[in-house]
Amino acid sequence: MAANNKNIYIGERYVPLYIGEWDVNKGYEPLSIVTYQGNSYTSKSYVPIGIDILNDTYWVLSGNFNGQIAGLTDDVRRNTEDIGELKSNTTIKDRYIILADNYGGAPTSSDSFLEVIKQYHTFKTGELYTAWQAGATFSLATSNNFDGMLASTANIVDNPDGITDIIVVGGMNDTVEADVVTGINSLCTTARALYPNSKVTLTGLQLRADNYEANYFYKNVIVPNFVLAMIRNNNANYMVVTHRLVIVLILIHLALV
């Protein structure tokens, strides 16, 4: 069957045609696209031989690739700088404040909480702040209390918003429930006010199987009141750990960062 040739268009081009590199010795139809020095130009009408590519009567710059590449280069440079700045501002490095009584902090004790941590990890400046006092209590009835110790760290801690963990090692010296409740509430309020991004961990590192009274008081008075205080202060970021498990958790975490 013969092809139907009745619908043949005769006239000027209406679909752009890519030609290739521009040649001054050639003539071009309208809507011819050529390239010259990395840019593209489109003919506006019939272009006679010898017409310069920069003659805007016949040619229009349709793709300034050099300008686009320069713009993209600037964008990449700016984005690279922004990414670098973002990384420097958002890099999260764990930073600790550890509060302890003499069982957890005494440097003369090779198996104290602080000494064990330091044996297995070298902290850079600003990654670890410590405060410990013999006979430290949660109770505010004594001058050696954890709330006061935490408040005093504000004088030495750089970038308090960057503190990720506050660990309290204590409870052995507390005996009065009412005092414990008041002291723990005050401690949690201080932690939230000074170090809003921190997780507060309570641990009874010094608990021993032969000290039933201390164990009982810690588990049945200190721990539940600590949890309640954190909840009342709208701080859901806390943890309670008994005995030396907290050391294991920290060391595993430090090995992963």
C-alpha atoms as a PDB file:
ATOM      1  CA  MET A   1       0.000   0.000   0.000  1.00  0.00           C
ATOM      2  CA  ALA A   2       1.466   3.357  -1.052  1.00  0.00           C
ATOM      3  CA  ALA A   3       2.417   5.816   1.694  1.00  0.00           C
ATOM      4  CA  ASN A   4       0.106   8.772   2.221  1.00  0.00           C
ATOM      5  CA  ASN A   5       2.219  11.841   1.335  1.00  0.00           C
ATOM      6  CA  LYS A   6      -0.563  14.382   1.510  1.00  0.00           C
ATOM      7  CA  ASN A   7       0.483  15.778   4.945  1.00  0.00           C
ATOM      8  CA  ILE A   8       3.996  16.969   4.119  1.00  0.00           C
ATOM      9  CA  TYR A   9       5.041  20.243   5.823  1.00  0.00           C
ATOM     10  CA  ILE A  10       6.931  22.697   3.664  1.00  0.00           C
ATOM     11  CA  GLY A  11       8.261  25.845   5.313  1.00  0.00           C
ATOM     12  CA  GLU A  12      10.635  27.145   7.988  1.00  0.00           C
ATOM     13  CA  ARG A  13      11.918  24.880  10.735  1.00  0.00           C
ATOM     14  CA  TYR A  14       9.858  24.882  13.934  1.00  0.00           C
ATOM     15  CA  VAL A  15      11.781  22.208  15.839  1.00  0.00           C
ATOM     16  CA  PRO A  16      15.310  23.102  17.031  1.00  0.00           C
ATOM     17  CA  LEU A  17      18.087  21.153  15.331  1.00  0.00           C
ATOM     18  CA  TYR A  18      21.455  20.558  16.958  1.00  0.00           C
ATOM     19  CA  ILE A  19      24.210  21.105  14.375  1.00  0.00           C
ATOM     20  CA  GLY A  20      27.434  20.955  16.358  1.00  0.00           C
ATOM     21  CA  GLU A  21      30.403  23.300  16.394  1.00  0.00           C
ATOM     22  CA  TRP A  22      29.752  26.658  14.735  1.00  0.00           C
ATOM     23  CA  ASP A  23      31.473  27.308  11.385  1.00  0.00           C
ATOM     24  CA  VAL A  24      31.602  30.843  10.002  1.00  0.00           C
ATOM     25  CA  ASN A  25      31.851  29.401   6.490  1.00  0.00           C
ATOM     26  CA  LYS A  26      28.423  27.792   6.717  1.00  0.00           C
ATOM     27  CA  GLY A  27      24.906  29.182   6.512  1.00  0.00           C
ATOM     28  CA  TYR A  28      22.229  28.065   8.971  1.00  0.00           C
ATOM     29  CA  GLU A  29      18.470  27.640   9.060  1.00  0.00           C
ATOM     30  CA  PRO A  30      16.338  29.211  11.806  1.00  0.00           C
ATOM     31  CA  LEU A  31      16.425  27.331  15.127  1.00  0.00           C
ATOM     32  CA  SER A  32      19.796  25.765  14.405  1.00  0.00           C
ATOM     33  CA  ILE A  33      21.780  25.140  17.585  1.00  0.00           C
ATOM     34  CA  VAL A  34      25.552  25.385  17.447  1.00  0.00           C
ATOM     35  CA  THR A  35      28.315  25.466  20.021  1.00  0.00           C
ATOM     36  CA  TYR A  36      31.147  27.950  20.327  1.00  0.00           C
ATOM     37  CA  GLN A  37      33.794  28.089  23.053  1.00  0.00           C
ATOM     38  CA  GLY A  38      31.702  25.904  25.350  1.00  0.00           C
ATOM     39  CA  ASN A  39      28.461  27.890  24.958  1.00  0.00           C
ATOM     40  CA  SER A  40      25.475  27.171  22.761  1.00  0.00           C
ATOM     41  CA  TYR A  41      23.785  29.593  20.360  1.00  0.00           C
ATOM     42  CA  THR A  42      20.459  29.308  18.524  1.00  0.00           C
ATOM     43  CA  SER A  43      19.789  30.987  15.178  1.00  0.00           C
ATOM     44  CA  LYS A  44      16.871  33.451  15.166  1.00  0.00           C
ATOM     45  CA  SER A  45      16.452  33.382  11.370  1.00  0.00           C
ATOM     46  CA  TYR A  46      18.327  32.291   8.264  1.00  0.00           C
ATOM     47  CA  VAL A  47      22.013  32.992   8.834  1.00  0.00           C
ATOM     48  CA  PRO A  48      24.112  33.780   5.735  1.00  0.00           C
ATOM     49  CA  ILE A  49      27.662  32.547   5.396  1.00  0.00           C
ATOM     50  CA  GLY A  50      30.198  34.762   7.158  1.00  0.00           C
ATOM     51  CA  ILE A  51      27.922  36.075   9.923  1.00  0.00           C
ATOM     52  CA  ASP A  52      29.754  36.230  13.246  1.00  0.00           C
ATOM     53  CA  ILE A  53      28.366  34.114  16.072  1.00  0.00           C
ATOM     54  CA  LEU A  54      28.203  37.201  18.315  1.00  0.00           C
ATOM     55  CA  ASN A  55      25.895  39.025  15.909  1.00  0.00           C
ATOM     56  CA  ASP A  56      22.709  39.218  17.971  1.00  0.00           C
ATOM     57  CA  THR A  57      20.610  39.971  14.909  1.00  0.00           C
ATOM     58  CA  TYR A  58      21.013  36.332  13.900  1.00  0.00           C
ATOM     59  CA  TRP A  59      22.155  34.497  17.001  1.00  0.00           C
ATOM     60  CA  VAL A  60      21.000  34.268  20.614  1.00  0.00           C
ATOM     61  CA  LEU A  61      23.040  32.802  23.453  1.00  0.00           C
ATOM     62  CA  SER A  62      20.934  29.862  24.554  1.00  0.00           C
ATOM     63  CA  GLY A  63      23.297  28.036  26.883  1.00  0.00           C
ATOM     64  CA  ASN A  64      26.004  29.870  28.808  1.00  0.00           C
ATOM     65  CA  PHE A  65      27.765  26.698  29.929  1.00  0.00           C
ATOM     66  CA  ASN A  66      30.922  28.514  30.986  1.00  0.00           C
ATOM     67  CA  GLY A  67      28.866  30.733  33.236  1.00  0.00           C
ATOM     68  CA  GLN A  68      26.893  27.749  34.476  1.00  0.00           C
ATOM     69  CA  ILE A  69      30.066  25.816  35.248  1.00  0.00           C
ATOM     70  CA  ALA A  70      31.512  28.813  37.064  1.00  0.00           C
ATOM     71  CA  GLY A  71      28.268  29.147  38.994  1.00  0.00           C
ATOM     72  CA  LEU A  72      28.251  25.459  39.824  1.00  0.00           C
ATOM     73  CA  THR A  73      31.876  25.680  40.932  1.00  0.00           C
ATOM     74  CA  ASP A  74      30.984  28.526  43.274  1.00  0.00           C
ATOM     75  CA  ASP A  75      27.978  26.564  44.541  1.00  0.00           C
ATOM     76  CA  VAL A  76      30.115  23.489  45.198  1.00  0.00           C
ATOM     77  CA  ARG A  77      32.697  25.600  47.026  1.00  0.00           C
ATOM     78  CA  ARG A  78      30.044  27.282  49.160  1.00  0.00           C
ATOM     79  CA  ASN A  79      28.308  23.976  49.865  1.00  0.00           C
ATOM     80  CA  THR A  80      31.618  22.368  50.802  1.00  0.00           C
ATOM     81  CA  GLU A  81      32.329  25.211  53.225  1.00  0.00           C
ATOM     82  CA  ASP A  82      28.806  24.983  54.642  1.00  0.00           C
ATOM     83  CA  ILE A  83      29.118  21.221  55.106  1.00  0.00           C
ATOM     84  CA  GLY A  84      32.445  21.641  56.849  1.00  0.00           C
ATOM     85  CA  GLU A  85      31.001  24.281  59.155  1.00  0.00           C
ATOM     86  CA  LEU A  86      27.932  22.147  59.802  1.00  0.00           C
ATOM     87  CA  LYS A  87      30.112  19.168  60.713  1.00  0.00           C
ATOM     88  CA  SER A  88      32.214  21.236  63.072  1.00  0.00           C
ATOM     89  CA  ASN A  89      29.102  22.619  64.739  1.00  0.00           C
ATOM     90  CA  THR A  90      27.191  19.363  64.977  1.00  0.00           C
ATOM     91  CA  THR A  91      29.852  16.769  65.653  1.00  0.00           C
ATOM     92  CA  ILE A  92      28.691  14.992  68.779  1.00  0.00           C
ATOM     93  CA  LYS A  93      31.440  13.958  71.154  1.00  0.00           C
ATOM     94  CA  ASP A  94      30.515  12.386  74.471  1.00  0.00           C
ATOM     95  CA  ARG A  95      31.408  14.598  77.404  1.00  0.00           C
ATOM     96  CA  TYR A  96      31.028  13.464  80.991  1.00  0.00           C
ATOM     97  CA  ILE A  97      30.575  14.905  84.443  1.00  0.00           C
ATOM     98  CA  ILE A  98      31.116  12.326  87.166  1.00  0.00           C
ATOM     99  CA  LEU A  99      30.150  13.050  90.777  1.00  0.00           C
ATOM    100  CA  ALA A 100      31.267  10.600  93.417  1.00  0.00           C
ATOM    101  CA  ASP A 101      31.865   9.997  97.092  1.00  0.00           C
ATOM    102  CA  ASN A 102      35.177   8.545  98.246  1.00  0.00           C
ATOM    103  CA  TYR A 103      34.118   5.022  97.199  1.00  0.00           C
ATOM    104  CA  GLY A 104      33.710   6.151  93.612  1.00  0.00           C
ATOM    105  CA  GLY A 105      36.286   8.897  93.324  1.00  0.00           C
ATOM    106  CA  ALA A 106      39.197   8.437  95.701  1.00  0.00           C
ATOM    107  CA  PRO A 107      42.379   8.462  93.578  1.00  0.00           C
ATOM    108  CA  THR A 108      44.159   6.369  96.193  1.00  0.00           C
ATOM    109  CA  SER A 109      41.818   3.494  95.399  1.00  0.00           C
ATOM    110  CA  SER A 110      42.916   1.648  92.253  1.00  0.00           C
ATOM    111  CA  ASP A 111      39.457   0.154  91.762  1.00  0.00           C
ATOM    112  CA  SER A 112      37.435   3.349  92.307  1.00  0.00           C
ATOM    113  CA  PHE A 113      34.998   4.285  89.592  1.00  0.00           C
ATOM    114  CA  LEU A 114      37.078   7.161  88.232  1.00  0.00           C
ATOM    115  CA  GLU A 115      40.347   5.251  88.272  1.00  0.00           C
ATOM    116  CA  VAL A 116      38.907   2.270  86.412  1.00  0.00           C
ATOM    117  CA  ILE A 117      37.483   4.553  83.698  1.00  0.00           C
ATOM    118  CA  LYS A 118      40.810   6.345  83.266  1.00  0.00           C
ATOM    119  CA  GLN A 119      42.685   3.053  83.019  1.00  0.00           C
ATOM    120  CA  TYR A 120      40.767   2.061  79.904  1.00  0.00           C
ATOM    121  CA  HIS A 121      40.224   5.369  78.130  1.00  0.00           C
ATOM    122  CA  THR A 122      42.261   8.518  77.594  1.00  0.00           C
ATOM    123  CA  PHE A 123      40.007  11.550  77.768  1.00  0.00           C
ATOM    124  CA  LYS A 124      40.868  14.687  75.852  1.00  0.00           C
ATOM    125  CA  THR A 125      40.586  18.097  77.447  1.00  0.00           C
ATOM    126  CA  GLY A 126      36.948  18.987  77.969  1.00  0.00           C
ATOM    127  CA  GLU A 127      35.629  15.426  77.668  1.00  0.00           C
ATOM    128  CA  LEU A 128      35.633  14.555  81.373  1.00  0.00           C
ATOM    129  CA  TYR A 129      34.918  16.669  84.445  1.00  0.00           C
ATOM    130  CA  THR A 130      34.971  15.086  87.894  1.00  0.00           C
ATOM    131  CA  ALA A 131      34.071  16.096  91.414  1.00  0.00           C
ATOM    132  CA  TRP A 132      34.253  13.858  94.452  1.00  0.00           C
ATOM    133  CA  GLN A 133      34.158  14.335  98.186  1.00  0.00           C
ATOM    134  CA  ALA A 134      34.550  11.906 101.038  1.00  0.00           C
ATOM    135  CA  GLY A 135      31.227  11.294 102.741  1.00  0.00           C
ATOM    136  CA  ALA A 136      29.245  12.901  99.902  1.00  0.00           C
ATOM    137  CA  THR A 137      25.467  12.570 100.184  1.00  0.00           C
ATOM    138  CA  PHE A 138      22.306  13.336  98.271  1.00  0.00           C
ATOM    139  CA  SER A 139      21.053  14.989 101.418  1.00  0.00           C
ATOM    140  CA  LEU A 140      21.504  18.755 101.551  1.00  0.00           C
ATOM    141  CA  ALA A 141      21.952  18.545 105.323  1.00  0.00           C
ATOM    142  CA  THR A 142      25.704  18.155 104.779  1.00  0.00           C
ATOM    143  CA  SER A 143      28.011  20.509 102.872  1.00  0.00           C
ATOM    144  CA  ASN A 144      29.383  17.577 100.906  1.00  0.00           C
ATOM    145  CA  ASN A 145      26.302  16.987  98.769  1.00  0.00           C
ATOM    146  CA  PHE A 146      25.984  16.038  95.108  1.00  0.00           C
ATOM    147  CA  ASP A 147      23.785  18.992  94.201  1.00  0.00           C
ATOM    148  CA  GLY A 148      26.428  21.435  95.400  1.00  0.00           C
ATOM    149  CA  MET A 149      29.142  19.468  93.638  1.00  0.00           C
ATOM    150  CA  LEU A 150      27.231  19.603  90.374  1.00  0.00           C
ATOM    151  CA  ALA A 151      26.554  23.322  90.725  1.00  0.00           C
ATOM    152  CA  SER A 152      30.264  23.946  91.273  1.00  0.00           C
ATOM    153  CA  THR A 153      31.135  22.322  87.931  1.00  0.00           C
ATOM    154  CA  ALA A 154      29.483  25.257  86.151  1.00  0.00           C
ATOM    155  CA  ASN A 155      32.626  27.245  86.941  1.00  0.00           C
ATOM    156  CA  ILE A 156      34.901  24.904  85.005  1.00  0.00           C
ATOM    157  CA  VAL A 157      32.778  23.310  82.253  1.00  0.00           C
ATOM    158  CA  ASP A 158      33.186  24.756  78.785  1.00  0.00           C
ATOM    159  CA  ASN A 159      30.092  24.648  76.518  1.00  0.00           C
ATOM    160  CA  PRO A 160      27.601  23.218  79.037  1.00  0.00           C
ATOM    161  CA  ASP A 161      25.091  22.392  76.273  1.00  0.00           C
ATOM    162  CA  GLY A 162      27.634  19.867  74.982  1.00  0.00           C
ATOM    163  CA  ILE A 163      27.661  17.763  78.155  1.00  0.00           C
ATOM    164  CA  THR A 164      26.089  14.436  77.239  1.00  0.00           C
ATOM    165  CA  ASP A 165      26.266  12.488  80.510  1.00  0.00           C
ATOM    166  CA  ILE A 166      26.147  13.196  84.226  1.00  0.00           C
ATOM    167  CA  ILE A 167      26.979  10.145  86.350  1.00  0.00           C
ATOM    168  CA  VAL A 168      26.341  10.182  90.081  1.00  0.00           C
ATOM    169  CA  VAL A 169      28.149   7.511  92.082  1.00  0.00           C
ATOM    170  CA  GLY A 170      26.790   7.579  95.598  1.00  0.00           C
ATOM    171  CA  GLY A 171      24.216   6.649  98.193  1.00  0.00           C
ATOM    172  CA  MET A 172      26.356   4.863 100.719  1.00  0.00           C
ATOM    173  CA  ASN A 173      26.341   7.791 103.144  1.00  0.00           C
ATOM    174  CA  ASP A 174      22.612   8.624 103.100  1.00  0.00           C
ATOM    175  CA  THR A 175      20.283   7.378 105.820  1.00  0.00           C
ATOM    176  CA  VAL A 176      17.347   9.802 106.103  1.00  0.00           C
ATOM    177  CA  GLU A 177      14.659   9.380 103.468  1.00  0.00           C
ATOM    178  CA  ALA A 178      13.180  12.884 103.706  1.00  0.00           C
ATOM    179  CA  ASP A 179      16.607  14.447 103.212  1.00  0.00           C
ATOM    180  CA  VAL A 180      17.283  12.183 100.251  1.00  0.00           C
ATOM    181  CA  VAL A 181      14.031  13.184  98.543  1.00  0.00           C
ATOM    182  CA  THR A 182      14.810  16.893  98.887  1.00  0.00           C
ATOM    183  CA  GLY A 183      18.413  16.480  97.777  1.00  0.00           C
ATOM    184  CA  ILE A 184      17.649  14.353  94.736  1.00  0.00           C
ATOM    185  CA  ASN A 185      14.941  16.754  93.546  1.00  0.00           C
ATOM    186  CA  SER A 186      17.373  19.634  93.864  1.00  0.00           C
ATOM    187  CA  LEU A 187      20.081  17.671  92.016  1.00  0.00           C
ATOM    188  CA  CYS A 188      17.776  16.846  89.107  1.00  0.00           C
ATOM    189  CA  THR A 189      16.627  20.464  88.841  1.00  0.00           C
ATOM    190  CA  THR A 190      20.226  21.659  88.755  1.00  0.00           C
ATOM    191  CA  ALA A 191      21.191  19.084  86.118  1.00  0.00           C
ATOM    192  CA  ARG A 192      18.362  20.125  83.838  1.00  0.00           C
ATOM    193  CA  ALA A 193      19.110  23.839  84.299  1.00  0.00           C
ATOM    194  CA  LEU A 194      22.883  23.688  83.789  1.00  0.00           C
ATOM    195  CA  TYR A 195      23.204  20.804  81.336  1.00  0.00           C
ATOM    196  CA  PRO A 196      19.899  20.501  79.428  1.00  0.00           C
ATOM    197  CA  ASN A 197      21.185  17.947  76.895  1.00  0.00           C
ATOM    198  CA  SER A 198      22.675  15.521  79.381  1.00  0.00           C
ATOM    199  CA  LYS A 199      21.544  12.092  80.465  1.00  0.00           C
ATOM    200  CA  VAL A 200      21.711  11.619  84.227  1.00  0.00           C
ATOM    201  CA  THR A 201      22.835   8.197  85.395  1.00  0.00           C
ATOM    202  CA  LEU A 202      22.593   7.018  88.992  1.00  0.00           C
ATOM    203  CA  THR A 203      24.763   4.133  90.068  1.00  0.00           C
ATOM    204  CA  GLY A 204      25.427   2.430  93.389  1.00  0.00           C
ATOM    205  CA  LEU A 205      28.956   1.351  92.583  1.00  0.00           C
ATOM    206  CA  GLN A 206      29.884   0.941  96.228  1.00  0.00           C
ATOM    207  CA  LEU A 207      27.064  -1.461  97.138  1.00  0.00           C
ATOM    208  CA  ARG A 208      28.278  -4.661  98.741  1.00  0.00           C
ATOM    209  CA  ALA A 209      26.549  -7.901  99.548  1.00  0.00           C
ATOM    210  CA  ASP A 210      27.651  -7.646 103.192  1.00  0.00           C
ATOM    211  CA  ASN A 211      25.979  -4.274 103.722  1.00  0.00           C
ATOM    212  CA  TYR A 212      22.289  -5.111 103.739  1.00  0.00           C
ATOM    213  CA  GLU A 213      21.089  -1.813 105.198  1.00  0.00           C
ATOM    214  CA  ALA A 214      22.907   0.326 102.642  1.00  0.00           C
ATOM    215  CA  ASN A 215      21.738  -1.900  99.798  1.00  0.00           C
ATOM    216  CA  TYR A 216      18.145  -1.759 100.985  1.00  0.00           C
ATOM    217  CA  PHE A 217      18.175   2.015 101.396  1.00  0.00           C
ATOM    218  CA  TYR A 218      19.700   2.520  97.963  1.00  0.00           C
ATOM    219  CA  LYS A 219      17.293   0.234  96.121  1.00  0.00           C
ATOM    220  CA  ASN A 220      14.133   1.162  98.007  1.00  0.00           C
ATOM    221  CA  VAL A 221      14.641   4.857  98.751  1.00  0.00           C
ATOM    222  CA  ILE A 222      17.292   6.440  96.560  1.00  0.00           C
ATOM    223  CA  VAL A 223      16.471   4.755  93.231  1.00  0.00           C
ATOM    224  CA  PRO A 224      12.690   5.290  93.213  1.00  0.00           C
ATOM    225  CA  ASN A 225      13.015   8.892  94.390  1.00  0.00           C
ATOM    226  CA  PHE A 226      15.620   9.551  91.713  1.00  0.00           C
ATOM    227  CA  VAL A 227      13.244   8.269  89.022  1.00  0.00           C
ATOM    228  CA  LEU A 228      10.354  10.306  90.410  1.00  0.00           C
ATOM    229  CA  ALA A 229      12.484  13.439  90.539  1.00  0.00           C
ATOM    230  CA  MET A 230      13.511  13.050  86.902  1.00  0.00           C
ATOM    231  CA  ILE A 231       9.900  12.564  85.862  1.00  0.00           C
ATOM    232  CA  ARG A 232       8.701  15.579  87.847  1.00  0.00           C
ATOM    233  CA  ASN A 233      11.371  17.699  86.175  1.00  0.00           C
ATOM    234  CA  ASN A 234      10.198  16.509  82.736  1.00  0.00           C
ATOM    235  CA  ASN A 235      13.560  14.916  82.097  1.00  0.00           C
ATOM    236  CA  ALA A 236      13.029  11.545  80.458  1.00  0.00           C
ATOM    237  CA  ASN A 237      16.717  11.131  79.700  1.00  0.00           C
ATOM    238  CA  TYR A 238      18.023   9.203  82.685  1.00  0.00           C
ATOM    239  CA  MET A 239      19.269   5.762  83.656  1.00  0.00           C
ATOM    240  CA  VAL A 240      19.701   3.756  86.852  1.00  0.00           C
ATOM    241  CA  VAL A 241      22.505   1.229  86.987  1.00  0.00           C
ATOM    242  CA  THR A 242      23.551  -0.892  89.920  1.00  0.00           C
ATOM    243  CA  HIS A 243      27.064  -1.930  90.790  1.00  0.00           C
ATOM    244  CA  ARG A 244      29.882  -1.949  88.183  1.00  0.00           C
ATOM    245  CA  LEU A 245      27.711  -2.501  85.122  1.00  0.00           C
ATOM    246  CA  VAL A 246      27.846   1.241  84.468  1.00  0.00           C
ATOM    247  CA  ILE A 247      31.615   1.012  83.939  1.00  0.00           C
ATOM    248  CA  VAL A 248      31.133  -1.751  81.376  1.00  0.00           C
ATOM    249  CA  LEU A 249      28.479   0.284  79.545  1.00  0.00           C
ATOM    250  CA  ILE A 250      30.668   3.366  79.387  1.00  0.00           C
ATOM    251  CA  LEU A 251      33.731   1.482  78.197  1.00  0.00           C
ATOM    252  CA  ILE A 252      31.739  -0.269  75.465  1.00  0.00           C
ATOM    253  CA  HIS A 253      30.300   3.068  74.372  1.00  0.00           C
ATOM    254  CA  LEU A 254      33.716   4.756  74.324  1.00  0.00           C
ATOM    255  CA  ALA A 255      35.081   1.916  72.205  1.00  0.00           C
ATOM    256  CA  LEU A 256      32.393   2.567  69.593  1.00  0.00           C
ATOM    257  CA  VAL A 257      32.813   6.335  69.211  1.00  0.00           C
END
